[in-house]
């Protein structure tokens, strides 16, 4: 069985943070959701090329469909 890989998806959201859409899936893949979440703040700090009022990340199993969630 192959190891579970977690993908970090960058989301662009409305001002209210309630209407989000996937902008891109970022590399690298992570071994756990906790590791992905731990990297999120640093990724968001250096993401400056997204034209949305709110930018968030969502960590999930790499082969799962993207679920648009509001910023945490």
PDB file of N, CA and C in Angstrom:
ATOM      1  N   UNK A   1       0.837  -1.169   0.000  1.00  0.00           N
ATOM      2  CA  UNK A   1       0.000   0.000   0.000  1.00  0.00           C
ATOM      3  C   UNK A   1       0.888   1.240   0.000  1.00  0.00           C
ATOM      4  N   UNK A   2       0.586   2.218  -0.850  1.00  0.00           N
ATOM      5  CA  UNK A   2       1.392   3.432  -0.915  1.00  0.00           C
ATOM      6  C   UNK A   2       1.037   4.359   0.242  1.00  0.00           C
ATOM      7  N   UNK A   3       2.013   5.201   0.657  1.00  0.00           N
ATOM      8  CA  UNK A   3       1.723   6.109   1.771  1.00  0.00           C
ATOM      9  C   UNK A   3       0.711   7.167   1.360  1.00  0.00           C
ATOM     10  N   UNK A   4      -0.061   7.616   2.333  1.00  0.00           N
ATOM     11  CA  UNK A   4      -1.038   8.665   2.115  1.00  0.00           C
ATOM     12  C   UNK A   4      -0.303   9.974   1.881  1.00  0.00           C
ATOM     13  N   UNK A   5      -0.685  10.708   0.859  1.00  0.00           N
ATOM     14  CA  UNK A   5      -0.099  12.006   0.598  1.00  0.00           C
ATOM     15  C   UNK A   5      -1.171  13.071   0.745  1.00  0.00           C
ATOM     16  N   UNK A   6      -0.795  14.168   1.367  1.00  0.00           N
ATOM     17  CA  UNK A   6      -1.702  15.277   1.615  1.00  0.00           C
ATOM     18  C   UNK A   6      -1.305  16.438   0.720  1.00  0.00           C
ATOM     19  N   UNK A   7      -2.287  17.015   0.041  1.00  0.00           N
ATOM     20  CA  UNK A   7      -2.049  18.152  -0.843  1.00  0.00           C
ATOM     21  C   UNK A   7      -2.546  19.430  -0.179  1.00  0.00           C
ATOM     22  N   UNK A   8      -1.827  20.533  -0.419  1.00  0.00           N
ATOM     23  CA  UNK A   8      -2.255  21.841   0.051  1.00  0.00           C
ATOM     24  C   UNK A   8      -2.843  22.584  -1.139  1.00  0.00           C
ATOM     25  N   UNK A   9      -4.101  22.968  -1.018  1.00  0.00           N
ATOM     26  CA  UNK A   9      -4.784  23.713  -2.069  1.00  0.00           C
ATOM     27  C   UNK A   9      -4.905  25.167  -1.638  1.00  0.00           C
ATOM     28  N   UNK A  10      -4.488  26.068  -2.493  1.00  0.00           N
ATOM     29  CA  UNK A  10      -4.614  27.496  -2.251  1.00  0.00           C
ATOM     30  C   UNK A  10      -5.994  27.925  -2.716  1.00  0.00           C
ATOM     31  N   UNK A  11      -6.730  28.629  -1.844  1.00  0.00           N
ATOM     32  CA  UNK A  11      -8.082  29.071  -2.138  1.00  0.00           C
ATOM     33  C   UNK A  11      -8.143  30.591  -2.209  1.00  0.00           C
ATOM     34  N   UNK A  12      -8.871  31.118  -3.168  1.00  0.00           N
ATOM     35  CA  UNK A  12      -9.177  32.531  -3.238  1.00  0.00           C
ATOM     36  C   UNK A  12     -10.618  32.712  -2.808  1.00  0.00           C
ATOM     37  N   UNK A  13     -10.854  33.646  -1.863  1.00  0.00           N
ATOM     38  CA  UNK A  13     -12.186  33.780  -1.261  1.00  0.00           C
ATOM     39  C   UNK A  13     -12.692  35.218  -1.343  1.00  0.00           C
ATOM     40  N   UNK A  14     -13.990  35.362  -1.154  1.00  0.00           N
ATOM     41  CA  UNK A  14     -14.635  36.676  -1.122  1.00  0.00           C
ATOM     42  C   UNK A  14     -14.245  37.418   0.153  1.00  0.00           C
ATOM     43  N   UNK A  15     -14.635  38.692   0.239  1.00  0.00           N
ATOM     44  CA  UNK A  15     -14.363  39.488   1.440  1.00  0.00           C
ATOM     45  C   UNK A  15     -14.858  38.811   2.710  1.00  0.00           C
ATOM     46  N   UNK A  16     -16.011  38.208   2.639  1.00  0.00           N
ATOM     47  CA  UNK A  16     -16.591  37.542   3.805  1.00  0.00           C
ATOM     48  C   UNK A  16     -15.913  36.205   4.086  1.00  0.00           C
ATOM     49  N   UNK A  17     -15.122  35.712   3.144  1.00  0.00           N
ATOM     50  CA  UNK A  17     -14.439  34.439   3.322  1.00  0.00           C
ATOM     51  C   UNK A  17     -15.342  33.243   3.167  1.00  0.00           C
ATOM     52  N   UNK A  18     -16.543  33.469   2.616  1.00  0.00           N
ATOM     53  CA  UNK A  18     -17.493  32.369   2.531  1.00  0.00           C
ATOM     54  C   UNK A  18     -17.625  31.782   1.130  1.00  0.00           C
ATOM     55  N   UNK A  19     -17.174  32.476   0.126  1.00  0.00           N
ATOM     56  CA  UNK A  19     -17.246  31.974  -1.244  1.00  0.00           C
ATOM     57  C   UNK A  19     -15.820  31.811  -1.746  1.00  0.00           C
ATOM     58  N   UNK A  20     -15.356  30.573  -1.768  1.00  0.00           N
ATOM     59  CA  UNK A  20     -13.969  30.290  -2.117  1.00  0.00           C
ATOM     60  C   UNK A  20     -13.909  29.386  -3.342  1.00  0.00           C
ATOM     61  N   UNK A  21     -12.820  29.550  -4.086  1.00  0.00           N
ATOM     62  CA  UNK A  21     -12.556  28.633  -5.187  1.00  0.00           C
ATOM     63  C   UNK A  21     -11.082  28.272  -5.193  1.00  0.00           C
ATOM     64  N   UNK A  22     -10.791  27.065  -5.648  1.00  0.00           N
ATOM     65  CA  UNK A  22      -9.414  26.608  -5.704  1.00  0.00           C
ATOM     66  C   UNK A  22      -8.645  27.431  -6.733  1.00  0.00           C
ATOM     67  N   UNK A  23      -7.474  27.913  -6.328  1.00  0.00           N
ATOM     68  CA  UNK A  23      -6.599  28.677  -7.225  1.00  0.00           C
ATOM     69  C   UNK A  23      -5.516  27.756  -7.775  1.00  0.00           C
ATOM     70  N   UNK A  24      -4.895  26.968  -6.883  1.00  0.00           N
ATOM     71  CA  UNK A  24      -3.878  26.007  -7.321  1.00  0.00           C
ATOM     72  C   UNK A  24      -3.582  25.014  -6.204  1.00  0.00           C
ATOM     73  N   UNK A  25      -3.076  23.867  -6.614  1.00  0.00           N
ATOM     74  CA  UNK A  25      -2.583  22.870  -5.665  1.00  0.00           C
ATOM     75  C   UNK A  25      -1.081  23.070  -5.596  1.00  0.00           C
ATOM     76  N   UNK A  26      -0.575  23.207  -4.387  1.00  0.00           N
ATOM     77  CA  UNK A  26       0.835  23.516  -4.182  1.00  0.00           C
ATOM     78  C   UNK A  26       1.662  22.267  -3.921  1.00  0.00           C
ATOM     79  N   UNK A  27       2.921  22.326  -4.305  1.00  0.00           N
ATOM     80  CA  UNK A  27       3.892  21.294  -3.958  1.00  0.00           C
ATOM     81  C   UNK A  27       4.682  21.830  -2.777  1.00  0.00           C
ATOM     82  N   UNK A  28       5.223  21.071  -1.919  1.00  0.00           N
ATOM     83  CA  UNK A  28       5.282  19.617  -1.949  1.00  0.00           C
ATOM     84  C   UNK A  28       4.030  18.985  -1.363  1.00  0.00           C
ATOM     85  N   UNK A  29       3.979  17.689  -1.475  1.00  0.00           N
ATOM     86  CA  UNK A  29       2.919  16.925  -0.815  1.00  0.00           C
ATOM     87  C   UNK A  29       3.407  16.628   0.593  1.00  0.00           C
ATOM     88  N   UNK A  30       2.497  16.509   1.515  1.00  0.00           N
ATOM     89  CA  UNK A  30       2.826  16.294   2.920  1.00  0.00           C
ATOM     90  C   UNK A  30       2.414  14.892   3.349  1.00  0.00           C
ATOM     91  N   UNK A  31       3.061  14.386   4.392  1.00  0.00           N
ATOM     92  CA  UNK A  31       2.761  13.049   4.901  1.00  0.00           C
ATOM     93  C   UNK A  31       1.509  13.039   5.778  1.00  0.00           C
ATOM     94  N   UNK A  32       1.220  14.176   6.433  1.00  0.00           N
ATOM     95  CA  UNK A  32       0.053  14.242   7.311  1.00  0.00           C
ATOM     96  C   UNK A  32      -0.656  15.590   7.123  1.00  0.00           C
ATOM     97  N   UNK A  33      -1.922  15.641   7.503  1.00  0.00           N
ATOM     98  CA  UNK A  33      -2.673  16.893   7.464  1.00  0.00           C
ATOM     99  C   UNK A  33      -2.052  17.880   8.450  1.00  0.00           C
ATOM    100  N   UNK A  34      -1.588  17.403   9.604  1.00  0.00           N
ATOM    101  CA  UNK A  34      -0.958  18.293  10.589  1.00  0.00           C
ATOM    102  C   UNK A  34       0.289  18.960  10.020  1.00  0.00           C
ATOM    103  N   UNK A  35       1.097  18.219   9.275  1.00  0.00           N
ATOM    104  CA  UNK A  35       2.295  18.799   8.663  1.00  0.00           C
ATOM    105  C   UNK A  35       1.914  19.835   7.621  1.00  0.00           C
ATOM    106  N   UNK A  36       0.895  19.567   6.861  1.00  0.00           N
ATOM    107  CA  UNK A  36       0.402  20.509   5.860  1.00  0.00           C
ATOM    108  C   UNK A  36      -0.111  21.779   6.536  1.00  0.00           C
ATOM    109  N   UNK A  37      -0.930  21.626   7.565  1.00  0.00           N
ATOM    110  CA  UNK A  37      -1.455  22.779   8.289  1.00  0.00           C
ATOM    111  C   UNK A  37      -0.344  23.598   8.932  1.00  0.00           C
ATOM    112  N   UNK A  38       0.696  22.927   9.425  1.00  0.00           N
ATOM    113  CA  UNK A  38       1.822  23.627  10.041  1.00  0.00           C
ATOM    114  C   UNK A  38       2.570  24.495   9.027  1.00  0.00           C
ATOM    115  N   UNK A  39       2.592  24.080   7.775  1.00  0.00           N
ATOM    116  CA  UNK A  39       3.276  24.840   6.724  1.00  0.00           C
ATOM    117  C   UNK A  39       2.410  25.954   6.145  1.00  0.00           C
ATOM    118  N   UNK A  40       1.116  25.950   6.440  1.00  0.00           N
ATOM    119  CA  UNK A  40       0.167  26.873   5.812  1.00  0.00           C
ATOM    120  C   UNK A  40       0.486  28.339   6.055  1.00  0.00           C
ATOM    121  N   UNK A  41       0.810  28.720   7.280  1.00  0.00           N
ATOM    122  CA  UNK A  41       1.056  30.132   7.585  1.00  0.00           C
ATOM    123  C   UNK A  41       2.223  30.686   6.765  1.00  0.00           C
ATOM    124  N   UNK A  42       3.287  29.927   6.683  1.00  0.00           N
ATOM    125  CA  UNK A  42       4.451  30.380   5.906  1.00  0.00           C
ATOM    126  C   UNK A  42       4.113  30.493   4.427  1.00  0.00           C
ATOM    127  N   UNK A  43       3.343  29.549   3.910  1.00  0.00           N
ATOM    128  CA  UNK A  43       2.925  29.583   2.509  1.00  0.00           C
ATOM    129  C   UNK A  43       2.058  30.806   2.250  1.00  0.00           C
ATOM    130  N   UNK A  44       1.106  31.076   3.119  1.00  0.00           N
ATOM    131  CA  UNK A  44       0.230  32.233   2.947  1.00  0.00           C
ATOM    132  C   UNK A  44       1.012  33.544   3.023  1.00  0.00           C
ATOM    133  N   UNK A  45       2.017  33.606   3.872  1.00  0.00           N
ATOM    134  CA  UNK A  45       2.830  34.811   4.018  1.00  0.00           C
ATOM    135  C   UNK A  45       3.554  35.161   2.726  1.00  0.00           C
ATOM    136  N   UNK A  46       3.997  34.146   2.010  1.00  0.00           N
ATOM    137  CA  UNK A  46       4.761  34.438   0.784  1.00  0.00           C
ATOM    138  C   UNK A  46       3.936  34.355  -0.508  1.00  0.00           C
ATOM    139  N   UNK A  47       2.647  34.121  -0.391  1.00  0.00           N
ATOM    140  CA  UNK A  47       1.775  34.091  -1.562  1.00  0.00           C
ATOM    141  C   UNK A  47       1.237  35.489  -1.804  1.00  0.00           C
ATOM    142  N   UNK A  48       1.773  36.145  -2.829  1.00  0.00           N
ATOM    143  CA  UNK A  48       1.391  37.532  -3.114  1.00  0.00           C
ATOM    144  C   UNK A  48       0.811  37.705  -4.514  1.00  0.00           C
ATOM    145  N   UNK A  49       0.704  36.638  -5.261  1.00  0.00           N
ATOM    146  CA  UNK A  49       0.273  36.741  -6.660  1.00  0.00           C
ATOM    147  C   UNK A  49      -1.189  36.347  -6.881  1.00  0.00           C
ATOM    148  N   UNK A  50      -1.972  36.282  -5.819  1.00  0.00           N
ATOM    149  CA  UNK A  50      -3.374  35.876  -5.925  1.00  0.00           C
ATOM    150  C   UNK A  50      -4.262  37.099  -5.692  1.00  0.00           C
ATOM    151  N   UNK A  51      -5.145  37.382  -6.632  1.00  0.00           N
ATOM    152  CA  UNK A  51      -5.985  38.587  -6.577  1.00  0.00           C
ATOM    153  C   UNK A  51      -7.357  38.314  -5.977  1.00  0.00           C
ATOM    154  N   UNK A  52      -7.373  37.954  -4.721  1.00  0.00           N
ATOM    155  CA  UNK A  52      -8.608  37.740  -3.974  1.00  0.00           C
ATOM    156  C   UNK A  52      -8.492  38.490  -2.661  1.00  0.00           C
ATOM    157  N   UNK A  53      -9.608  38.963  -2.109  1.00  0.00           N
ATOM    158  CA  UNK A  53      -9.549  39.668  -0.824  1.00  0.00           C
ATOM    159  C   UNK A  53      -9.070  38.782   0.321  1.00  0.00           C
ATOM    160  N   UNK A  54      -9.424  37.500   0.289  1.00  0.00           N
ATOM    161  CA  UNK A  54      -9.014  36.551   1.318  1.00  0.00           C
ATOM    162  C   UNK A  54      -8.378  35.354   0.629  1.00  0.00           C
ATOM    163  N   UNK A  55      -7.232  34.945   1.130  1.00  0.00           N
ATOM    164  CA  UNK A  55      -6.544  33.762   0.605  1.00  0.00           C
ATOM    165  C   UNK A  55      -6.422  32.778   1.762  1.00  0.00           C
ATOM    166  N   UNK A  56      -6.729  31.523   1.491  1.00  0.00           N
ATOM    167  CA  UNK A  56      -6.688  30.480   2.518  1.00  0.00           C
ATOM    168  C   UNK A  56      -6.084  29.219   1.916  1.00  0.00           C
ATOM    169  N   UNK A  57      -5.805  28.258   2.767  1.00  0.00           N
ATOM    170  CA  UNK A  57      -5.353  26.950   2.291  1.00  0.00           C
ATOM    171  C   UNK A  57      -6.269  25.881   2.864  1.00  0.00           C
ATOM    172  N   UNK A  58      -6.309  24.777   2.160  1.00  0.00           N
ATOM    173  CA  UNK A  58      -7.048  23.604   2.615  1.00  0.00           C
ATOM    174  C   UNK A  58      -6.162  22.393   2.386  1.00  0.00           C
ATOM    175  N   UNK A  59      -5.928  21.619   3.440  1.00  0.00           N
ATOM    176  CA  UNK A  59      -5.110  20.417   3.348  1.00  0.00           C
ATOM    177  C   UNK A  59      -6.025  19.198   3.321  1.00  0.00           C
ATOM    178  N   UNK A  60      -5.794  18.319   2.346  1.00  0.00           N
ATOM    179  CA  UNK A  60      -6.638  17.133   2.210  1.00  0.00           C
ATOM    180  C   UNK A  60      -5.878  16.038   1.490  1.00  0.00           C
ATOM    181  N   UNK A  61      -6.419  14.846   1.551  1.00  0.00           N
ATOM    182  CA  UNK A  61      -5.835  13.705   0.851  1.00  0.00           C
ATOM    183  C   UNK A  61      -5.641  14.083  -0.610  1.00  0.00           C
ATOM    184  N   UNK A  62      -4.496  13.768  -1.179  1.00  0.00           N
ATOM    185  CA  UNK A  62      -4.111  14.238  -2.504  1.00  0.00           C
ATOM    186  C   UNK A  62      -5.086  13.850  -3.612  1.00  0.00           C
ATOM    187  N   UNK A  63      -5.762  12.732  -3.503  1.00  0.00           N
ATOM    188  CA  UNK A  63      -6.677  12.333  -4.566  1.00  0.00           C
ATOM    189  C   UNK A  63      -8.131  12.710  -4.280  1.00  0.00           C
ATOM    190  N   UNK A  64      -8.370  13.448  -3.182  1.00  0.00           N
ATOM    191  CA  UNK A  64      -9.735  13.867  -2.839  1.00  0.00           C
ATOM    192  C   UNK A  64     -10.122  15.092  -3.638  1.00  0.00           C
ATOM    193  N   UNK A  65     -11.397  15.277  -3.932  1.00  0.00           N
ATOM    194  CA  UNK A  65     -11.831  16.490  -4.615  1.00  0.00           C
ATOM    195  C   UNK A  65     -11.643  17.710  -3.725  1.00  0.00           C
ATOM    196  N   UNK A  66     -11.360  18.852  -4.320  1.00  0.00           N
ATOM    197  CA  UNK A  66     -11.141  20.079  -3.549  1.00  0.00           C
ATOM    198  C   UNK A  66     -12.460  20.530  -2.951  1.00  0.00           C
ATOM    199  N   UNK A  67     -12.437  20.807  -1.667  1.00  0.00           N
ATOM    200  CA  UNK A  67     -13.594  21.325  -0.952  1.00  0.00           C
ATOM    201  C   UNK A  67     -13.278  22.771  -0.594  1.00  0.00           C
ATOM    202  N   UNK A  68     -14.059  23.713  -1.105  1.00  0.00           N
ATOM    203  CA  UNK A  68     -13.802  25.118  -0.835  1.00  0.00           C
ATOM    204  C   UNK A  68     -14.252  25.470   0.575  1.00  0.00           C
ATOM    205  N   UNK A  69     -13.288  25.855   1.388  1.00  0.00           N
ATOM    206  CA  UNK A  69     -13.555  26.225   2.784  1.00  0.00           C
ATOM    207  C   UNK A  69     -13.096  27.654   3.019  1.00  0.00           C
ATOM    208  N   UNK A  70     -13.684  28.295   3.973  1.00  0.00           N
ATOM    209  CA  UNK A  70     -13.283  29.650   4.335  1.00  0.00           C
ATOM    210  C   UNK A  70     -11.963  29.611   5.093  1.00  0.00           C
ATOM    211  N   UNK A  71     -11.319  30.761   5.173  1.00  0.00           N
ATOM    212  CA  UNK A  71     -10.069  30.901   5.910  1.00  0.00           C
ATOM    213  C   UNK A  71     -10.272  30.537   7.367  1.00  0.00           C
ATOM    214  N   UNK A  72      -9.246  29.979   7.968  1.00  0.00           N
ATOM    215  CA  UNK A  72      -9.344  29.582   9.371  1.00  0.00           C
ATOM    216  C   UNK A  72      -8.875  30.688  10.261  1.00  0.00           C
TER     217      UNK A  72
END
